[in-house]
All heavy atoms as atom14 arrays in JSON, in Angstrom:
{
  "sequence": "VFGRAQRVGDRTTLHDPIAESLRDDEKDRYCYPQVRVIPPGGPYFK",
  "atom14_mask": [
    [1, 1, 1, 1, 1, 1, 1, 0, 0, 0, 0, 0, 0, 0],
    [1, 1, 1, 1, 1, 1, 1, 1, 1, 1, 1, 0, 0, 0],
    [1, 1, 1, 1, 0, 0, 0, 0, 0, 0, 0, 0, 0, 0],
    [1, 1, 1, 1, 1, 1, 1, 1, 1, 1, 1, 0, 0, 0],
    [1, 1, 1, 1, 1, 0, 0, 0, 0, 0, 0, 0, 0, 0],
    [1, 1, 1, 1, 1, 1, 1, 1, 1, 0, 0, 0, 0, 0],
    [1, 1, 1, 1, 1, 1, 1, 1, 1, 1, 1, 0, 0, 0],
    [1, 1, 1, 1, 1, 1, 1, 0, 0, 0, 0, 0, 0, 0],
    [1, 1, 1, 1, 0, 0, 0, 0, 0, 0, 0, 0, 0, 0],
    [1, 1, 1, 1, 1, 1, 1, 1, 0, 0, 0, 0, 0, 0],
    [1, 1, 1, 1, 1, 1, 1, 1, 1, 1, 1, 0, 0, 0],
    [1, 1, 1, 1, 1, 1, 1, 0, 0, 0, 0, 0, 0, 0],
    [1, 1, 1, 1, 1, 1, 1, 0, 0, 0, 0, 0, 0, 0],
    [1, 1, 1, 1, 1, 1, 1, 1, 0, 0, 0, 0, 0, 0],
    [1, 1, 1, 1, 1, 1, 1, 1, 1, 1, 0, 0, 0, 0],
    [1, 1, 1, 1, 1, 1, 1, 1, 0, 0, 0, 0, 0, 0],
    [1, 1, 1, 1, 1, 1, 1, 0, 0, 0, 0, 0, 0, 0],
    [1, 1, 1, 1, 1, 1, 1, 1, 0, 0, 0, 0, 0, 0],
    [1, 1, 1, 1, 1, 0, 0, 0, 0, 0, 0, 0, 0, 0],
    [1, 1, 1, 1, 1, 1, 1, 1, 1, 0, 0, 0, 0, 0],
    [1, 1, 1, 1, 1, 1, 0, 0, 0, 0, 0, 0, 0, 0],
    [1, 1, 1, 1, 1, 1, 1, 1, 0, 0, 0, 0, 0, 0],
    [1, 1, 1, 1, 1, 1, 1, 1, 1, 1, 1, 0, 0, 0],
    [1, 1, 1, 1, 1, 1, 1, 1, 0, 0, 0, 0, 0, 0],
    [1, 1, 1, 1, 1, 1, 1, 1, 0, 0, 0, 0, 0, 0],
    [1, 1, 1, 1, 1, 1, 1, 1, 1, 0, 0, 0, 0, 0],
    [1, 1, 1, 1, 1, 1, 1, 1, 1, 0, 0, 0, 0, 0],
    [1, 1, 1, 1, 1, 1, 1, 1, 0, 0, 0, 0, 0, 0],
    [1, 1, 1, 1, 1, 1, 1, 1, 1, 1, 1, 0, 0, 0],
    [1, 1, 1, 1, 1, 1, 1, 1, 1, 1, 1, 1, 0, 0],
    [1, 1, 1, 1, 1, 1, 0, 0, 0, 0, 0, 0, 0, 0],
    [1, 1, 1, 1, 1, 1, 1, 1, 1, 1, 1, 1, 0, 0],
    [1, 1, 1, 1, 1, 1, 1, 0, 0, 0, 0, 0, 0, 0],
    [1, 1, 1, 1, 1, 1, 1, 1, 1, 0, 0, 0, 0, 0],
    [1, 1, 1, 1, 1, 1, 1, 0, 0, 0, 0, 0, 0, 0],
    [1, 1, 1, 1, 1, 1, 1, 1, 1, 1, 1, 0, 0, 0],
    [1, 1, 1, 1, 1, 1, 1, 0, 0, 0, 0, 0, 0, 0],
    [1, 1, 1, 1, 1, 1, 1, 1, 0, 0, 0, 0, 0, 0],
    [1, 1, 1, 1, 1, 1, 1, 0, 0, 0, 0, 0, 0, 0],
    [1, 1, 1, 1, 1, 1, 1, 0, 0, 0, 0, 0, 0, 0],
    [1, 1, 1, 1, 0, 0, 0, 0, 0, 0, 0, 0, 0, 0],
    [1, 1, 1, 1, 0, 0, 0, 0, 0, 0, 0, 0, 0, 0],
    [1, 1, 1, 1, 1, 1, 1, 0, 0, 0, 0, 0, 0, 0],
    [1, 1, 1, 1, 1, 1, 1, 1, 1, 1, 1, 1, 0, 0],
    [1, 1, 1, 1, 1, 1, 1, 1, 1, 1, 1, 0, 0, 0],
    [1, 1, 1, 1, 1, 1, 1, 1, 1, 0, 0, 0, 0, 0]
  ],
  "atom14_positions": [
    [[10.82, 76.33, 235.95], [10.85, 76.28, 234.49], [11.49, 77.59, 234.01], [10.94, 78.66, 234.2], [9.44, 76.12, 233.91], [9.5, 76.06, 232.38], [8.77, 74.88, 234.48], [0.0, 0.0, 0.0], [0.0, 0.0, 0.0], [0.0, 0.0, 0.0], [0.0, 0.0, 0.0], [0.0, 0.0, 0.0], [0.0, 0.0, 0.0], [0.0, 0.0, 0.0]],
    [[12.69, 77.46, 233.39], [13.48, 78.63, 233.0], [13.7, 79.56, 234.2], [13.65, 80.79, 234.08], [12.81, 79.39, 231.84], [12.76, 78.61, 230.56], [11.56, 78.13, 230.08], [13.92, 78.35, 229.85], [11.5, 77.41, 228.91], [13.87, 77.63, 228.66], [12.67, 77.15, 228.19], [0.0, 0.0, 0.0], [0.0, 0.0, 0.0], [0.0, 0.0, 0.0]],
    [[13.89, 78.96, 235.36], [14.2, 79.73, 236.56], [13.01, 80.22, 237.35], [13.18, 80.81, 238.42], [0.0, 0.0, 0.0], [0.0, 0.0, 0.0], [0.0, 0.0, 0.0], [0.0, 0.0, 0.0], [0.0, 0.0, 0.0], [0.0, 0.0, 0.0], [0.0, 0.0, 0.0], [0.0, 0.0, 0.0], [0.0, 0.0, 0.0], [0.0, 0.0, 0.0]],
    [[11.8, 79.99, 236.86], [10.6, 80.46, 237.55], [9.89, 79.28, 238.19], [9.59, 78.29, 237.53], [9.66, 81.17, 236.59], [8.48, 81.87, 237.25], [7.64, 82.59, 236.2], [6.61, 83.43, 236.82], [5.41, 83.01, 237.16], [5.08, 81.73, 236.96], [4.54, 83.84, 237.72], [0.0, 0.0, 0.0], [0.0, 0.0, 0.0], [0.0, 0.0, 0.0]],
    [[9.62, 79.37, 239.48], [8.97, 78.28, 240.19], [7.52, 78.16, 239.76], [6.83, 79.15, 239.5], [9.05, 78.52, 241.7], [0.0, 0.0, 0.0], [0.0, 0.0, 0.0], [0.0, 0.0, 0.0], [0.0, 0.0, 0.0], [0.0, 0.0, 0.0], [0.0, 0.0, 0.0], [0.0, 0.0, 0.0], [0.0, 0.0, 0.0], [0.0, 0.0, 0.0]],
    [[7.06, 76.92, 239.66], [5.66, 76.67, 239.34], [4.79, 77.11, 240.51], [5.0, 76.7, 241.65], [5.44, 75.18, 239.03], [6.1, 74.73, 237.75], [5.8, 73.27, 237.45], [5.57, 72.48, 238.35], [5.8, 72.91, 236.18], [0.0, 0.0, 0.0], [0.0, 0.0, 0.0], [0.0, 0.0, 0.0], [0.0, 0.0, 0.0], [0.0, 0.0, 0.0]],
    [[3.78, 77.89, 240.22], [2.98, 78.5, 241.27], [1.55, 77.96, 241.26], [1.08, 77.38, 240.29], [2.97, 80.02, 241.13], [4.38, 80.57, 240.96], [4.46, 82.05, 241.01], [5.83, 82.52, 240.86], [6.23, 83.75, 241.09], [5.36, 84.66, 241.46], [7.5, 84.09, 240.93], [0.0, 0.0, 0.0], [0.0, 0.0, 0.0], [0.0, 0.0, 0.0]],
    [[0.88, 78.2, 242.4], [-0.51, 77.77, 242.55], [-1.41, 78.98, 242.27], [-1.82, 79.71, 243.18], [-0.78, 77.22, 243.96], [-2.22, 76.71, 244.08], [0.2, 76.11, 244.29], [0.0, 0.0, 0.0], [0.0, 0.0, 0.0], [0.0, 0.0, 0.0], [0.0, 0.0, 0.0], [0.0, 0.0, 0.0], [0.0, 0.0, 0.0], [0.0, 0.0, 0.0]],
    [[-1.67, 79.22, 240.99], [-2.5, 80.36, 240.6], [-1.92, 81.67, 241.11], [-0.71, 81.93, 240.99], [0.0, 0.0, 0.0], [0.0, 0.0, 0.0], [0.0, 0.0, 0.0], [0.0, 0.0, 0.0], [0.0, 0.0, 0.0], [0.0, 0.0, 0.0], [0.0, 0.0, 0.0], [0.0, 0.0, 0.0], [0.0, 0.0, 0.0], [0.0, 0.0, 0.0]],
    [[-2.78, 82.49, 241.67], [-2.36, 83.79, 242.22], [-2.29, 83.77, 243.74], [-2.23, 84.82, 244.39], [-3.34, 84.89, 241.78], [-3.32, 85.09, 240.27], [-2.26, 84.86, 239.65], [-4.38, 85.46, 239.72], [0.0, 0.0, 0.0], [0.0, 0.0, 0.0], [0.0, 0.0, 0.0], [0.0, 0.0, 0.0], [0.0, 0.0, 0.0], [0.0, 0.0, 0.0]],
    [[-2.3, 82.6, 244.33], [-2.3, 82.49, 245.79], [-0.93, 82.84, 246.35], [0.11, 82.53, 245.76], [-2.7, 81.08, 246.23], [-4.13, 80.73, 245.85], [-4.49, 79.35, 246.38], [-4.43, 79.31, 247.84], [-5.42, 79.7, 248.64], [-6.55, 80.16, 248.12], [-5.3, 79.62, 249.95], [0.0, 0.0, 0.0], [0.0, 0.0, 0.0], [0.0, 0.0, 0.0]],
    [[-0.96, 83.5, 247.51], [0.27, 83.88, 248.21], [0.18, 83.38, 249.66], [-0.81, 82.78, 250.08], [0.46, 85.4, 248.2], [-0.6, 86.02, 248.96], [0.43, 85.94, 246.78], [0.0, 0.0, 0.0], [0.0, 0.0, 0.0], [0.0, 0.0, 0.0], [0.0, 0.0, 0.0], [0.0, 0.0, 0.0], [0.0, 0.0, 0.0], [0.0, 0.0, 0.0]],
    [[1.23, 83.65, 250.41], [1.23, 83.24, 251.83], [0.17, 84.0, 252.62], [-0.21, 83.55, 253.71], [2.61, 83.51, 252.44], [3.0, 84.86, 252.17], [3.65, 82.57, 251.86], [0.0, 0.0, 0.0], [0.0, 0.0, 0.0], [0.0, 0.0, 0.0], [0.0, 0.0, 0.0], [0.0, 0.0, 0.0], [0.0, 0.0, 0.0], [0.0, 0.0, 0.0]],
    [[-0.3, 85.13, 252.11], [-1.35, 85.87, 252.82], [-2.68, 85.12, 252.79], [-3.57, 85.43, 253.58], [-1.51, 87.27, 252.2], [-0.27, 88.17, 252.25], [-0.6, 89.54, 251.67], [0.24, 88.32, 253.68], [0.0, 0.0, 0.0], [0.0, 0.0, 0.0], [0.0, 0.0, 0.0], [0.0, 0.0, 0.0], [0.0, 0.0, 0.0], [0.0, 0.0, 0.0]],
    [[-2.82, 84.16, 251.88], [-4.02, 83.33, 251.84], [-3.91, 82.12, 252.75], [-4.84, 81.32, 252.84], [-4.3, 82.84, 250.41], [-4.59, 83.94, 249.45], [-3.6, 84.58, 248.71], [-5.75, 84.55, 249.1], [-4.15, 85.5, 247.94], [-5.45, 85.51, 248.16], [0.0, 0.0, 0.0], [0.0, 0.0, 0.0], [0.0, 0.0, 0.0], [0.0, 0.0, 0.0]],
    [[-2.77, 81.96, 253.4], [-2.52, 80.81, 254.26], [-2.61, 81.23, 255.72], [-2.24, 82.35, 256.07], [-1.14, 80.22, 253.97], [-0.98, 78.82, 254.54], [-0.7, 78.72, 255.75], [-1.13, 77.85, 253.8], [0.0, 0.0, 0.0], [0.0, 0.0, 0.0], [0.0, 0.0, 0.0], [0.0, 0.0, 0.0], [0.0, 0.0, 0.0], [0.0, 0.0, 0.0]],
    [[-3.08, 80.35, 256.62], [-3.17, 80.71, 258.05], [-1.83, 81.09, 258.69], [-1.82, 81.73, 259.73], [-3.73, 79.44, 258.69], [-4.5, 78.77, 257.59], [-3.74, 79.05, 256.35], [0.0, 0.0, 0.0], [0.0, 0.0, 0.0], [0.0, 0.0, 0.0], [0.0, 0.0, 0.0], [0.0, 0.0, 0.0], [0.0, 0.0, 0.0], [0.0, 0.0, 0.0]],
    [[-0.71, 80.7, 258.08], [0.58, 81.06, 258.69], [0.81, 82.56, 258.7], [1.62, 83.07, 259.48], [1.75, 80.35, 257.96], [1.85, 80.83, 256.5], [1.62, 78.86, 258.03], [3.05, 80.29, 255.78], [0.0, 0.0, 0.0], [0.0, 0.0, 0.0], [0.0, 0.0, 0.0], [0.0, 0.0, 0.0], [0.0, 0.0, 0.0], [0.0, 0.0, 0.0]],
    [[0.09, 83.31, 257.83], [0.26, 84.76, 257.79], [-0.44, 85.46, 258.94], [-0.24, 86.66, 259.14], [-0.26, 85.3, 256.46], [0.0, 0.0, 0.0], [0.0, 0.0, 0.0], [0.0, 0.0, 0.0], [0.0, 0.0, 0.0], [0.0, 0.0, 0.0], [0.0, 0.0, 0.0], [0.0, 0.0, 0.0], [0.0, 0.0, 0.0], [0.0, 0.0, 0.0]],
    [[-1.26, 84.74, 259.72], [-1.95, 85.37, 260.84], [-1.0, 85.84, 261.92], [-1.33, 86.72, 262.71], [-2.97, 84.38, 261.43], [-4.1, 84.02, 260.47], [-5.03, 82.99, 261.06], [-4.76, 82.54, 262.21], [-6.02, 82.63, 260.4], [0.0, 0.0, 0.0], [0.0, 0.0, 0.0], [0.0, 0.0, 0.0], [0.0, 0.0, 0.0], [0.0, 0.0, 0.0]],
    [[0.19, 85.24, 261.99], [1.17, 85.64, 263.01], [1.94, 86.89, 262.62], [2.69, 87.43, 263.44], [2.16, 84.49, 263.26], [2.82, 84.13, 262.06], [0.0, 0.0, 0.0], [0.0, 0.0, 0.0], [0.0, 0.0, 0.0], [0.0, 0.0, 0.0], [0.0, 0.0, 0.0], [0.0, 0.0, 0.0], [0.0, 0.0, 0.0], [0.0, 0.0, 0.0]],
    [[1.78, 87.38, 261.4], [2.48, 88.58, 260.95], [1.72, 89.83, 261.37], [0.49, 89.84, 261.41], [2.64, 88.57, 259.43], [3.52, 87.49, 258.83], [3.44, 87.53, 257.31], [4.97, 87.62, 259.28], [0.0, 0.0, 0.0], [0.0, 0.0, 0.0], [0.0, 0.0, 0.0], [0.0, 0.0, 0.0], [0.0, 0.0, 0.0], [0.0, 0.0, 0.0]],
    [[2.48, 90.88, 261.66], [1.86, 92.17, 261.92], [1.37, 92.77, 260.6], [1.79, 92.36, 259.52], [2.85, 93.12, 262.6], [3.36, 92.61, 263.94], [4.08, 93.76, 264.67], [5.15, 94.31, 263.86], [6.41, 93.92, 263.92], [6.78, 92.96, 264.76], [7.34, 94.48, 263.16], [0.0, 0.0, 0.0], [0.0, 0.0, 0.0], [0.0, 0.0, 0.0]],
    [[0.5, 93.75, 260.71], [-0.07, 94.35, 259.5], [1.01, 94.99, 258.64], [0.94, 94.93, 257.4], [-1.12, 95.4, 259.89], [-2.35, 94.76, 260.52], [-2.57, 93.55, 260.28], [-3.07, 95.46, 261.26], [0.0, 0.0, 0.0], [0.0, 0.0, 0.0], [0.0, 0.0, 0.0], [0.0, 0.0, 0.0], [0.0, 0.0, 0.0], [0.0, 0.0, 0.0]],
    [[2.03, 95.6, 259.27], [3.08, 96.24, 258.49], [4.06, 95.25, 257.89], [4.91, 95.62, 257.07], [3.84, 97.25, 259.37], [4.46, 96.58, 260.59], [3.93, 95.56, 261.04], [5.48, 97.09, 261.08], [0.0, 0.0, 0.0], [0.0, 0.0, 0.0], [0.0, 0.0, 0.0], [0.0, 0.0, 0.0], [0.0, 0.0, 0.0], [0.0, 0.0, 0.0]],
    [[3.97, 93.96, 258.26], [4.88, 92.94, 257.72], [4.26, 92.15, 256.58], [4.98, 91.46, 255.85], [5.29, 91.97, 258.83], [6.11, 92.59, 259.94], [6.42, 91.59, 261.04], [5.65, 90.63, 261.21], [7.44, 91.79, 261.74], [0.0, 0.0, 0.0], [0.0, 0.0, 0.0], [0.0, 0.0, 0.0], [0.0, 0.0, 0.0], [0.0, 0.0, 0.0]],
    [[2.97, 92.22, 256.42], [2.3, 91.37, 255.44], [2.71, 91.7, 254.01], [2.86, 90.8, 253.18], [0.79, 91.46, 255.62], [0.31, 90.83, 256.92], [-1.2, 90.84, 257.05], [-1.64, 90.15, 258.33], [-3.11, 90.15, 258.51], [0.0, 0.0, 0.0], [0.0, 0.0, 0.0], [0.0, 0.0, 0.0], [0.0, 0.0, 0.0], [0.0, 0.0, 0.0]],
    [[2.88, 92.98, 253.7], [3.32, 93.33, 252.35], [4.77, 92.92, 252.1], [5.14, 92.54, 250.99], [3.15, 94.83, 252.13], [1.7, 95.25, 252.1], [0.85, 94.38, 251.82], [1.4, 96.43, 252.37], [0.0, 0.0, 0.0], [0.0, 0.0, 0.0], [0.0, 0.0, 0.0], [0.0, 0.0, 0.0], [0.0, 0.0, 0.0], [0.0, 0.0, 0.0]],
    [[5.59, 92.97, 253.15], [7.01, 92.66, 253.0], [7.25, 91.16, 252.82], [8.14, 90.74, 252.09], [7.77, 93.16, 254.22], [9.28, 93.13, 254.08], [9.98, 93.39, 255.4], [9.25, 94.3, 256.25], [9.52, 94.48, 257.54], [10.5, 93.78, 258.12], [8.82, 95.33, 258.26], [0.0, 0.0, 0.0], [0.0, 0.0, 0.0], [0.0, 0.0, 0.0]],
    [[6.45, 90.35, 253.52], [6.64, 88.9, 253.47], [5.5, 88.23, 252.71], [4.97, 87.2, 253.14], [6.74, 88.34, 254.89], [7.92, 88.87, 255.66], [7.74, 89.81, 256.68], [9.21, 88.46, 255.37], [8.81, 90.31, 257.39], [10.29, 88.95, 256.06], [10.09, 89.88, 257.08], [11.17, 90.38, 257.77], [0.0, 0.0, 0.0], [0.0, 0.0, 0.0]],
    [[5.12, 88.78, 251.61], [4.09, 88.21, 250.74], [4.78, 87.38, 249.65], [5.29, 87.94, 248.67], [3.21, 89.31, 250.14], [1.92, 88.7, 249.05], [0.0, 0.0, 0.0], [0.0, 0.0, 0.0], [0.0, 0.0, 0.0], [0.0, 0.0, 0.0], [0.0, 0.0, 0.0], [0.0, 0.0, 0.0], [0.0, 0.0, 0.0], [0.0, 0.0, 0.0]],
    [[4.83, 86.07, 249.83], [5.48, 85.18, 248.87], [4.43, 84.36, 248.13], [3.4, 83.99, 248.69], [6.43, 84.21, 249.59], [7.55, 84.89, 250.33], [7.6, 84.87, 251.73], [8.57, 85.55, 249.65], [8.63, 85.48, 252.42], [9.61, 86.17, 250.33], [9.63, 86.13, 251.72], [10.64, 86.74, 252.4], [0.0, 0.0, 0.0], [0.0, 0.0, 0.0]],
    [[4.7, 84.03, 246.86], [3.74, 83.19, 246.12], [3.77, 81.75, 246.63], [4.81, 81.25, 247.06], [4.23, 83.29, 244.68], [5.68, 83.62, 244.79], [5.82, 84.48, 246.02], [0.0, 0.0, 0.0], [0.0, 0.0, 0.0], [0.0, 0.0, 0.0], [0.0, 0.0, 0.0], [0.0, 0.0, 0.0], [0.0, 0.0, 0.0], [0.0, 0.0, 0.0]],
    [[2.63, 81.1, 246.57], [2.57, 79.69, 246.9], [2.99, 78.87, 245.68], [2.52, 79.12, 244.57], [1.17, 79.29, 247.35], [0.74, 79.92, 248.66], [-0.57, 79.37, 249.15], [-1.02, 78.32, 248.71], [-1.2, 80.08, 250.09], [0.0, 0.0, 0.0], [0.0, 0.0, 0.0], [0.0, 0.0, 0.0], [0.0, 0.0, 0.0], [0.0, 0.0, 0.0]],
    [[3.86, 77.9, 245.89], [4.41, 77.1, 244.78], [3.88, 75.67, 244.88], [3.43, 75.21, 245.93], [5.95, 77.1, 244.82], [6.48, 78.5, 244.58], [6.46, 76.56, 246.15], [0.0, 0.0, 0.0], [0.0, 0.0, 0.0], [0.0, 0.0, 0.0], [0.0, 0.0, 0.0], [0.0, 0.0, 0.0], [0.0, 0.0, 0.0], [0.0, 0.0, 0.0]],
    [[3.96, 74.98, 243.73], [3.55, 73.59, 243.69], [4.63, 72.73, 244.34], [5.8, 72.77, 243.93], [3.32, 73.13, 242.25], [2.18, 73.87, 241.58], [1.88, 73.29, 240.2], [0.8, 74.01, 239.54], [-0.49, 73.78, 239.76], [-0.85, 72.84, 240.6], [-1.41, 74.5, 239.13], [0.0, 0.0, 0.0], [0.0, 0.0, 0.0], [0.0, 0.0, 0.0]],
    [[4.24, 71.96, 245.33], [5.17, 71.12, 246.07], [5.07, 69.69, 245.54], [3.98, 69.12, 245.45], [4.87, 71.15, 247.58], [5.85, 70.25, 248.34], [4.96, 72.58, 248.1], [0.0, 0.0, 0.0], [0.0, 0.0, 0.0], [0.0, 0.0, 0.0], [0.0, 0.0, 0.0], [0.0, 0.0, 0.0], [0.0, 0.0, 0.0], [0.0, 0.0, 0.0]],
    [[6.21, 69.13, 245.16], [6.25, 67.76, 244.67], [6.41, 66.84, 245.86], [7.4, 66.93, 246.6], [7.41, 67.58, 243.67], [7.24, 68.56, 242.5], [7.46, 66.15, 243.17], [8.4, 68.54, 241.53], [0.0, 0.0, 0.0], [0.0, 0.0, 0.0], [0.0, 0.0, 0.0], [0.0, 0.0, 0.0], [0.0, 0.0, 0.0], [0.0, 0.0, 0.0]],
    [[5.46, 65.94, 246.1], [5.52, 65.08, 247.3], [6.53, 63.95, 247.12], [7.05, 63.72, 246.02], [4.08, 64.55, 247.39], [3.62, 64.53, 245.97], [4.25, 65.72, 245.3], [0.0, 0.0, 0.0], [0.0, 0.0, 0.0], [0.0, 0.0, 0.0], [0.0, 0.0, 0.0], [0.0, 0.0, 0.0], [0.0, 0.0, 0.0], [0.0, 0.0, 0.0]],
    [[6.8, 63.2, 248.17], [7.71, 62.05, 248.05], [7.18, 61.02, 247.08], [5.98, 60.81, 246.96], [7.76, 61.49, 249.49], [7.32, 62.61, 250.35], [6.34, 63.41, 249.55], [0.0, 0.0, 0.0], [0.0, 0.0, 0.0], [0.0, 0.0, 0.0], [0.0, 0.0, 0.0], [0.0, 0.0, 0.0], [0.0, 0.0, 0.0], [0.0, 0.0, 0.0]],
    [[8.09, 60.37, 246.39], [7.7, 59.35, 245.43], [8.5, 59.48, 244.15], [9.59, 60.03, 244.12], [0.0, 0.0, 0.0], [0.0, 0.0, 0.0], [0.0, 0.0, 0.0], [0.0, 0.0, 0.0], [0.0, 0.0, 0.0], [0.0, 0.0, 0.0], [0.0, 0.0, 0.0], [0.0, 0.0, 0.0], [0.0, 0.0, 0.0], [0.0, 0.0, 0.0]],
    [[7.93, 59.0, 243.09], [8.59, 59.02, 241.8], [8.54, 57.64, 241.14], [7.89, 56.72, 241.65], [0.0, 0.0, 0.0], [0.0, 0.0, 0.0], [0.0, 0.0, 0.0], [0.0, 0.0, 0.0], [0.0, 0.0, 0.0], [0.0, 0.0, 0.0], [0.0, 0.0, 0.0], [0.0, 0.0, 0.0], [0.0, 0.0, 0.0], [0.0, 0.0, 0.0]],
    [[9.16, 57.51, 240.01], [9.99, 58.55, 239.38], [9.16, 59.63, 238.69], [8.1, 59.35, 238.17], [10.81, 57.76, 238.36], [9.95, 56.57, 238.03], [9.21, 56.23, 239.27], [0.0, 0.0, 0.0], [0.0, 0.0, 0.0], [0.0, 0.0, 0.0], [0.0, 0.0, 0.0], [0.0, 0.0, 0.0], [0.0, 0.0, 0.0], [0.0, 0.0, 0.0]],
    [[9.69, 60.84, 238.74], [9.11, 61.97, 238.04], [10.0, 62.31, 236.85], [11.14, 61.85, 236.75], [9.0, 63.18, 238.97], [8.15, 62.96, 240.2], [8.74, 62.77, 241.44], [6.76, 62.94, 240.12], [7.96, 62.57, 242.58], [5.98, 62.74, 241.24], [6.58, 62.55, 242.48], [5.82, 62.35, 243.59], [0.0, 0.0, 0.0], [0.0, 0.0, 0.0]],
    [[9.47, 63.13, 235.97], [10.23, 63.51, 234.76], [10.33, 65.02, 234.65], [9.38, 65.75, 234.98], [9.56, 62.95, 233.51], [10.29, 63.27, 232.24], [11.44, 62.58, 231.88], [9.84, 64.29, 231.41], [12.12, 62.89, 230.71], [10.52, 64.61, 230.25], [11.66, 63.91, 229.89], [0.0, 0.0, 0.0], [0.0, 0.0, 0.0], [0.0, 0.0, 0.0]],
    [[11.47, 65.48, 234.18], [11.68, 66.91, 233.93], [12.44, 67.07, 232.61], [13.22, 66.2, 232.19], [12.48, 67.56, 235.07], [13.92, 67.13, 235.15], [14.66, 67.87, 236.24], [16.14, 67.49, 236.26], [16.85, 67.93, 235.05], [0.0, 0.0, 0.0], [0.0, 0.0, 0.0], [0.0, 0.0, 0.0], [0.0, 0.0, 0.0], [0.0, 0.0, 0.0]]
  ]
}
């Protein structure tokens, strides 16, 4: 929306188990927000 992805509150990838494979010094560098994923289907409206 106006170039900003819809997000899931304040959750980031550090709240997801996939971040367990990162080293401690990489967690701040690869901290991305979690976004709302639109599943298969439709029709949707924008």
